[in-house]
Amino acid sequence: MSPPAPRHRSPRCESTGSAGSDDVGPGEAGSGSILMVALIAATMLATALIVPLFAAFAVGQSVQNAADAAALAAADTASGRVAGVPCEAAGEAATLGGASVTLCAVDGLIASVSVARSFLGFDVESRARAGPPDG
């Protein structure tokens, strides 16, 4: 019996020593780079949309805190615990919170205050009410 004849390999199947370069077709070169650029662009777009939403949430909480502080200041002044004019005290408290009073009403010992602050061209408003507990 004669030894088997050596097989001839086509040039495409021969190993060149670099991993992954065997199966790259003529239209696939550089497709990984394009995919990475698209992935980075999508990540940047998502970040550009999400960060302002979180900032708006933080500003909304800040305005609510300013409204709470303004209402408490007005109620404390209306009760006589702190000297002064209730709505002026509310204005000072709101200013410290980065907002301005848009409405202040005192009915007996109960103070109702509305404050606003501008953020990215929009007015963010909040209301609060303070006074002695019911009952």
Protein backbone atom coordinates (compact mmCIF):
# COMPACT_ATOMS: atom_id res chain seq x y z
CA MET A 1 0.00 0.00 0.00
CA SER A 2 1.27 3.42 -0.85
CA PRO A 3 1.23 6.34 1.58
CA PRO A 4 -1.65 8.79 1.15
CA ALA A 5 -1.01 11.73 -1.08
CA PRO A 6 -0.39 15.04 0.71
CA ARG A 7 -3.36 17.31 0.73
CA HIS A 8 -3.06 20.68 -0.88
CA ARG A 9 -4.50 23.56 1.03
CA SER A 10 -5.95 26.55 -0.67
CA PRO A 11 -4.20 29.85 0.11
CA ARG A 12 -7.31 31.07 1.92
CA CYS A 13 -7.14 28.30 4.51
CA GLU A 14 -3.49 28.68 5.38
CA SER A 15 -2.71 30.20 8.72
CA THR A 16 -0.89 33.51 8.65
CA GLY A 17 -0.29 33.62 12.38
CA SER A 18 -2.72 36.42 13.22
CA ALA A 19 -5.86 35.48 15.09
CA GLY A 20 -9.18 36.24 13.46
CA SER A 21 -7.83 37.37 10.11
CA ASP A 22 -8.81 34.17 8.30
CA ASP A 23 -12.50 34.82 7.81
CA VAL A 24 -12.59 38.56 7.10
CA GLY A 25 -14.32 39.18 3.83
CA PRO A 26 -13.58 42.15 1.61
CA GLY A 27 -16.59 44.17 2.90
CA GLU A 28 -16.09 43.43 6.61
CA ALA A 29 -12.77 45.15 7.28
CA GLY A 30 -13.20 47.95 9.84
CA SER A 31 -16.75 47.01 10.85
CA GLY A 32 -15.67 46.63 14.50
CA SER A 33 -14.45 50.23 14.54
CA ILE A 34 -17.74 51.48 13.14
CA LEU A 35 -19.64 49.46 15.74
CA MET A 36 -17.55 50.97 18.55
CA VAL A 37 -18.10 54.52 17.24
CA ALA A 38 -21.86 53.87 17.11
CA LEU A 39 -21.81 52.46 20.64
CA ILE A 40 -19.91 55.46 22.00
CA ALA A 41 -22.28 57.86 20.21
CA ALA A 42 -25.33 56.07 21.66
CA THR A 43 -23.82 56.26 25.16
CA MET A 44 -23.10 59.97 24.80
CA LEU A 45 -26.64 60.64 23.53
CA ALA A 46 -28.20 58.73 26.43
CA THR A 47 -26.03 60.65 28.89
CA ALA A 48 -26.95 63.97 27.29
CA LEU A 49 -30.63 63.15 27.76
CA ILE A 50 -30.48 61.64 31.26
CA VAL A 51 -28.25 64.18 33.06
CA PRO A 52 -30.64 67.15 32.57
CA LEU A 53 -33.53 65.01 33.83
CA PHE A 54 -31.68 64.28 37.05
CA ALA A 55 -30.74 67.96 37.35
CA ALA A 56 -34.40 68.96 36.91
CA PHE A 57 -35.37 66.51 39.65
CA ALA A 58 -32.77 68.04 41.98
CA VAL A 59 -33.99 71.58 41.22
CA GLY A 60 -37.58 70.49 41.88
CA GLN A 61 -36.58 69.15 45.28
CA SER A 62 -34.66 72.34 46.03
CA VAL A 63 -37.70 74.48 45.17
CA GLN A 64 -39.92 72.30 47.37
CA ASN A 65 -37.46 72.71 50.24
CA ALA A 66 -37.46 76.49 49.72
CA ALA A 67 -41.28 76.51 49.82
CA ASP A 68 -41.32 74.48 53.03
CA ALA A 69 -38.78 76.77 54.68
CA ALA A 70 -40.67 79.88 53.55
CA ALA A 71 -43.98 78.58 54.89
CA LEU A 72 -42.41 77.65 58.22
CA ALA A 73 -40.77 81.06 58.51
CA ALA A 74 -44.07 82.81 57.78
CA ALA A 75 -45.95 80.62 60.27
CA ASP A 76 -43.35 81.18 62.98
CA THR A 77 -43.59 84.93 62.44
CA ALA A 78 -47.40 84.85 62.38
CA SER A 79 -47.48 82.97 65.68
CA GLY A 80 -45.25 85.57 67.36
CA ARG A 81 -42.44 83.10 67.93
CA VAL A 82 -40.21 85.22 65.68
CA ALA A 83 -40.51 89.00 65.36
CA GLY A 84 -41.26 90.51 61.99
CA VAL A 85 -43.71 90.43 59.09
CA PRO A 86 -44.70 86.88 58.00
CA CYS A 87 -44.46 87.35 54.23
CA GLU A 88 -41.13 89.19 54.52
CA ALA A 89 -39.75 86.30 56.55
CA ALA A 90 -41.06 83.91 53.89
CA GLY A 91 -39.31 85.93 51.19
CA GLU A 92 -36.00 85.82 53.04
CA ALA A 93 -36.26 82.07 53.60
CA ALA A 94 -37.13 81.44 49.97
CA THR A 95 -34.20 83.55 48.80
CA LEU A 96 -31.85 81.48 50.95
CA GLY A 97 -33.23 78.41 49.16
CA GLY A 98 -32.59 79.91 45.72
CA ALA A 99 -36.23 80.73 44.94
CA SER A 100 -38.54 83.72 45.13
CA VAL A 101 -41.99 84.01 46.67
CA THR A 102 -44.80 84.33 44.15
CA LEU A 103 -47.71 84.15 46.62
CA CYS A 104 -47.91 84.52 50.38
CA ALA A 105 -51.12 84.36 52.38
CA VAL A 106 -51.51 84.23 56.16
CA ASP A 107 -54.83 83.23 57.70
CA GLY A 108 -54.55 83.36 61.46
CA LEU A 109 -51.59 81.14 62.33
CA ILE A 110 -51.60 79.24 59.00
CA ALA A 111 -49.25 80.44 56.25
CA SER A 112 -49.57 79.38 52.60
CA VAL A 113 -46.62 80.15 50.36
CA SER A 114 -45.84 79.58 46.67
CA VAL A 115 -42.28 79.91 45.37
CA ALA A 116 -40.69 79.67 41.94
CA ARG A 117 -37.27 79.33 40.38
CA SER A 118 -36.15 79.36 36.75
CA PHE A 119 -34.32 76.32 35.38
CA LEU A 120 -33.28 75.97 31.73
CA GLY A 121 -35.85 78.56 30.71
CA PHE A 122 -38.72 76.93 32.63
CA ASP A 123 -40.30 78.11 35.86
CA VAL A 124 -40.31 75.44 38.56
CA GLU A 125 -42.98 76.22 41.14
CA SER A 126 -43.93 74.70 44.46
CA ARG A 127 -46.40 75.40 47.26
CA ALA A 128 -46.29 74.75 50.99
CA ARG A 129 -48.51 75.35 53.97
CA ALA A 130 -47.47 75.58 57.62
CA GLY A 131 -49.13 76.25 60.93
CA PRO A 132 -50.10 74.64 64.19
CA PRO A 133 -51.33 71.04 64.10
CA ASP A 134 -55.05 70.39 63.79
CA GLY A 135 -56.92 69.43 66.90
